[in-house]
Amino acid sequence: MQERYQAIIHQGWSFLVASDATGVLGYAYFTQMRDRSAYRFTAEDSIYVREDVRGQGVGKALVQQLLSDATVAGFRQMIAVIGDSENVGSIGVHASLGFHRAGLLRASGFKFGRWVDTVYMQRALGRGDTDIPT
């Protein structure tokens, strides 16, 4: 985890942690979607919220800050890769922040002893695709 944190921060991207007196409530970060140059304006978010505080706005606050930070960093699109089509919380948080479903990969992940579908969601950042980045 420390290596991941250092790699993200080294690039100038955001790695956020929400906490209170009980400890870490959740964390979130964004990276470039893929290392290839064609994807240099597309970020991917990753969000993790402690089970006992889900539904209390922690994830939404983290994603809102990632959207702002990624826009400032010059990204034009944000992709959410949600590793379970039954994760209505994550899908709902992303949808409430303007993400739309962009695709579904059936049985593409294996978690907790079962196959899961992967949901792709997407949201434009800043000027999106309205012009050519400089």
C-alpha atoms as a PDB file:
ATOM      1  CA  MET A   1       0.000   0.000   0.000  1.00  0.00           C
ATOM      2  CA  GLN A   2       2.882   2.345   0.800  1.00  0.00           C
ATOM      3  CA  GLU A   3       4.377   1.721  -2.659  1.00  0.00           C
ATOM      4  CA  ARG A   4       1.028   2.471  -4.312  1.00  0.00           C
ATOM      5  CA  TYR A   5       0.675   5.662  -2.278  1.00  0.00           C
ATOM      6  CA  GLN A   6       4.185   6.823  -3.171  1.00  0.00           C
ATOM      7  CA  ALA A   7       3.701   6.075  -6.884  1.00  0.00           C
ATOM      8  CA  ILE A   8       0.436   8.052  -6.964  1.00  0.00           C
ATOM      9  CA  ILE A   9       1.790  11.027  -5.042  1.00  0.00           C
ATOM     10  CA  HIS A  10       4.987  11.033  -7.141  1.00  0.00           C
ATOM     11  CA  GLN A  11       2.840  11.598 -10.253  1.00  0.00           C
ATOM     12  CA  GLY A  12       1.078  14.530  -8.573  1.00  0.00           C
ATOM     13  CA  TRP A  13      -2.206  12.666  -8.338  1.00  0.00           C
ATOM     14  CA  SER A  14      -4.465  12.505  -5.278  1.00  0.00           C
ATOM     15  CA  PHE A  15      -4.592   9.865  -2.582  1.00  0.00           C
ATOM     16  CA  LEU A  16      -7.191  10.823   0.030  1.00  0.00           C
ATOM     17  CA  VAL A  17      -7.986   9.334   3.429  1.00  0.00           C
ATOM     18  CA  ALA A  18     -11.138  10.053   5.456  1.00  0.00           C
ATOM     19  CA  SER A  19     -10.868   9.381   9.160  1.00  0.00           C
ATOM     20  CA  ASP A  20     -12.401  10.202  12.516  1.00  0.00           C
ATOM     21  CA  ALA A  21     -11.811   9.130  16.114  1.00  0.00           C
ATOM     22  CA  THR A  22     -12.713   5.523  15.186  1.00  0.00           C
ATOM     23  CA  GLY A  23      -9.972   5.318  12.555  1.00  0.00           C
ATOM     24  CA  VAL A  24      -9.927   5.225   8.778  1.00  0.00           C
ATOM     25  CA  LEU A  25     -13.405   5.547   7.276  1.00  0.00           C
ATOM     26  CA  GLY A  26     -12.298   5.198   3.686  1.00  0.00           C
ATOM     27  CA  TYR A  27      -9.714   6.135   1.127  1.00  0.00           C
ATOM     28  CA  ALA A  28      -9.693   7.056  -2.531  1.00  0.00           C
ATOM     29  CA  TYR A  29      -7.226   7.862  -5.251  1.00  0.00           C
ATOM     30  CA  PHE A  30      -6.984   8.416  -8.953  1.00  0.00           C
ATOM     31  CA  THR A  31      -4.422   7.348 -11.500  1.00  0.00           C
ATOM     32  CA  GLN A  32      -4.075   7.661 -15.234  1.00  0.00           C
ATOM     33  CA  MET A  33      -6.398   5.017 -16.692  1.00  0.00           C
ATOM     34  CA  ARG A  34      -3.593   3.373 -18.673  1.00  0.00           C
ATOM     35  CA  ASP A  35       0.093   4.146 -19.064  1.00  0.00           C
ATOM     36  CA  ARG A  36      -0.151   4.690 -22.814  1.00  0.00           C
ATOM     37  CA  SER A  37       0.007   8.266 -24.094  1.00  0.00           C
ATOM     38  CA  ALA A  38      -3.444   8.063 -25.683  1.00  0.00           C
ATOM     39  CA  TYR A  39      -4.951   7.868 -22.171  1.00  0.00           C
ATOM     40  CA  ARG A  40      -2.974  10.737 -20.604  1.00  0.00           C
ATOM     41  CA  PHE A  41      -6.168  12.802 -20.173  1.00  0.00           C
ATOM     42  CA  THR A  42      -8.255   9.954 -18.704  1.00  0.00           C
ATOM     43  CA  ALA A  43      -8.187   9.159 -14.992  1.00  0.00           C
ATOM     44  CA  GLU A  44      -9.535   6.142 -13.148  1.00  0.00           C
ATOM     45  CA  ASP A  45     -10.804   6.440  -9.595  1.00  0.00           C
ATOM     46  CA  SER A  46     -10.560   3.859  -6.833  1.00  0.00           C
ATOM     47  CA  ILE A  47     -12.735   4.194  -3.737  1.00  0.00           C
ATOM     48  CA  TYR A  48     -12.840   2.054  -0.603  1.00  0.00           C
ATOM     49  CA  VAL A  49     -15.210   2.752   2.309  1.00  0.00           C
ATOM     50  CA  ARG A  50     -15.298   0.879   5.605  1.00  0.00           C
ATOM     51  CA  GLU A  51     -18.372  -1.351   5.711  1.00  0.00           C
ATOM     52  CA  ASP A  52     -19.919   0.109   8.874  1.00  0.00           C
ATOM     53  CA  VAL A  53     -19.945   3.677   7.503  1.00  0.00           C
ATOM     54  CA  ARG A  54     -21.244   2.979   4.003  1.00  0.00           C
ATOM     55  CA  GLY A  55     -24.235   5.092   3.023  1.00  0.00           C
ATOM     56  CA  GLN A  56     -23.141   8.006   5.238  1.00  0.00           C
ATOM     57  CA  GLY A  57     -21.578  10.183   2.523  1.00  0.00           C
ATOM     58  CA  VAL A  58     -17.938   9.218   2.984  1.00  0.00           C
ATOM     59  CA  GLY A  59     -17.562   7.743  -0.509  1.00  0.00           C
ATOM     60  CA  LYS A  60     -19.399  10.611  -2.150  1.00  0.00           C
ATOM     61  CA  ALA A  61     -17.202  13.202  -0.438  1.00  0.00           C
ATOM     62  CA  LEU A  62     -14.073  11.340  -1.501  1.00  0.00           C
ATOM     63  CA  VAL A  63     -15.197  11.033  -5.134  1.00  0.00           C
ATOM     64  CA  GLN A  64     -16.214  14.719  -5.249  1.00  0.00           C
ATOM     65  CA  GLN A  65     -12.722  15.717  -4.160  1.00  0.00           C
ATOM     66  CA  LEU A  66     -11.116  13.340  -6.682  1.00  0.00           C
ATOM     67  CA  LEU A  67     -13.193  14.896  -9.467  1.00  0.00           C
ATOM     68  CA  SER A  68     -11.980  18.350  -8.490  1.00  0.00           C
ATOM     69  CA  ASP A  69      -8.353  17.284  -8.089  1.00  0.00           C
ATOM     70  CA  ALA A  70      -8.281  15.377 -11.386  1.00  0.00           C
ATOM     71  CA  THR A  71      -9.763  18.365 -13.214  1.00  0.00           C
ATOM     72  CA  VAL A  72      -7.104  20.670 -11.766  1.00  0.00           C
ATOM     73  CA  ALA A  73      -4.463  18.107 -12.803  1.00  0.00           C
ATOM     74  CA  GLY A  74      -5.648  18.418 -16.431  1.00  0.00           C
ATOM     75  CA  PHE A  75      -7.616  15.221 -16.830  1.00  0.00           C
ATOM     76  CA  ARG A  76     -10.659  15.399 -19.119  1.00  0.00           C
ATOM     77  CA  GLN A  77     -12.462  12.125 -18.296  1.00  0.00           C
ATOM     78  CA  MET A  78     -12.873  10.034 -15.149  1.00  0.00           C
ATOM     79  CA  ILE A  79     -13.565   6.319 -15.375  1.00  0.00           C
ATOM     80  CA  ALA A  80     -14.943   4.229 -12.510  1.00  0.00           C
ATOM     81  CA  VAL A  81     -14.254   0.503 -12.744  1.00  0.00           C
ATOM     82  CA  ILE A  82     -16.639  -1.125 -10.277  1.00  0.00           C
ATOM     83  CA  GLY A  83     -15.766  -4.736  -9.573  1.00  0.00           C
ATOM     84  CA  ASP A  84     -19.268  -6.046  -8.949  1.00  0.00           C
ATOM     85  CA  SER A  85     -22.485  -5.141 -10.759  1.00  0.00           C
ATOM     86  CA  GLU A  86     -24.330  -5.767  -7.469  1.00  0.00           C
ATOM     87  CA  ASN A  87     -22.400  -2.945  -5.752  1.00  0.00           C
ATOM     88  CA  VAL A  88     -25.375  -0.594  -5.815  1.00  0.00           C
ATOM     89  CA  GLY A  89     -23.701   1.768  -3.346  1.00  0.00           C
ATOM     90  CA  SER A  90     -20.728   2.534  -5.567  1.00  0.00           C
ATOM     91  CA  ILE A  91     -22.850   2.620  -8.707  1.00  0.00           C
ATOM     92  CA  GLY A  92     -25.289   4.979  -6.989  1.00  0.00           C
ATOM     93  CA  VAL A  93     -22.584   7.307  -5.660  1.00  0.00           C
ATOM     94  CA  HIS A  94     -20.995   7.590  -9.082  1.00  0.00           C
ATOM     95  CA  ALA A  95     -24.368   8.123 -10.795  1.00  0.00           C
ATOM     96  CA  SER A  96     -25.264  10.859  -8.275  1.00  0.00           C
ATOM     97  CA  LEU A  97     -22.062  12.673  -9.280  1.00  0.00           C
ATOM     98  CA  GLY A  98     -22.812  12.638 -12.994  1.00  0.00           C
ATOM     99  CA  PHE A  99     -21.188   9.384 -14.091  1.00  0.00           C
ATOM    100  CA  HIS A 100     -23.057   7.323 -16.660  1.00  0.00           C
ATOM    101  CA  ARG A 101     -22.758   3.626 -17.354  1.00  0.00           C
ATOM    102  CA  ALA A 102     -20.345   3.091 -20.201  1.00  0.00           C
ATOM    103  CA  GLY A 103     -20.072  -0.679 -20.278  1.00  0.00           C
ATOM    104  CA  LEU A 104     -20.295  -4.049 -18.570  1.00  0.00           C
ATOM    105  CA  LEU A 105     -17.859  -6.945 -18.672  1.00  0.00           C
ATOM    106  CA  ARG A 106     -19.618 -10.145 -17.650  1.00  0.00           C
ATOM    107  CA  ALA A 107     -17.930 -12.520 -15.190  1.00  0.00           C
ATOM    108  CA  SER A 108     -14.634 -10.668 -15.625  1.00  0.00           C
ATOM    109  CA  GLY A 109     -13.615 -10.593 -11.963  1.00  0.00           C
ATOM    110  CA  PHE A 110     -13.381 -13.204  -9.279  1.00  0.00           C
ATOM    111  CA  LYS A 111     -13.977 -11.922  -5.732  1.00  0.00           C
ATOM    112  CA  PHE A 112     -15.115 -13.526  -2.506  1.00  0.00           C
ATOM    113  CA  GLY A 113     -15.402 -16.964  -4.084  1.00  0.00           C
ATOM    114  CA  ARG A 114     -17.603 -15.946  -7.012  1.00  0.00           C
ATOM    115  CA  TRP A 115     -17.485 -14.444 -10.483  1.00  0.00           C
ATOM    116  CA  VAL A 116     -18.517 -10.808 -10.674  1.00  0.00           C
ATOM    117  CA  ASP A 117     -19.368  -8.478 -13.523  1.00  0.00           C
ATOM    118  CA  THR A 118     -17.305  -5.308 -13.924  1.00  0.00           C
ATOM    119  CA  VAL A 119     -19.235  -2.068 -14.450  1.00  0.00           C
ATOM    120  CA  TYR A 120     -17.586   0.828 -16.288  1.00  0.00           C
ATOM    121  CA  MET A 121     -18.897   4.317 -15.585  1.00  0.00           C
ATOM    122  CA  GLN A 122     -17.634   7.580 -17.085  1.00  0.00           C
ATOM    123  CA  ARG A 123     -17.836  11.319 -16.416  1.00  0.00           C
ATOM    124  CA  ALA A 124     -16.378  14.251 -18.308  1.00  0.00           C
ATOM    125  CA  LEU A 125     -14.112  16.597 -16.365  1.00  0.00           C
ATOM    126  CA  GLY A 126     -13.702  20.288 -17.025  1.00  0.00           C
ATOM    127  CA  ARG A 127     -14.084  20.930 -20.746  1.00  0.00           C
ATOM    128  CA  GLY A 128     -14.282  17.192 -21.462  1.00  0.00           C
ATOM    129  CA  ASP A 129     -13.942  16.568 -25.191  1.00  0.00           C
ATOM    130  CA  THR A 130     -15.147  20.028 -26.308  1.00  0.00           C
ATOM    131  CA  ASP A 131     -11.655  21.044 -27.416  1.00  0.00           C
ATOM    132  CA  ILE A 132      -8.143  19.742 -27.909  1.00  0.00           C
ATOM    133  CA  PRO A 133      -5.997  19.833 -24.741  1.00  0.00           C
ATOM    134  CA  THR A 134      -2.823  21.899 -24.957  1.00  0.00           C
END
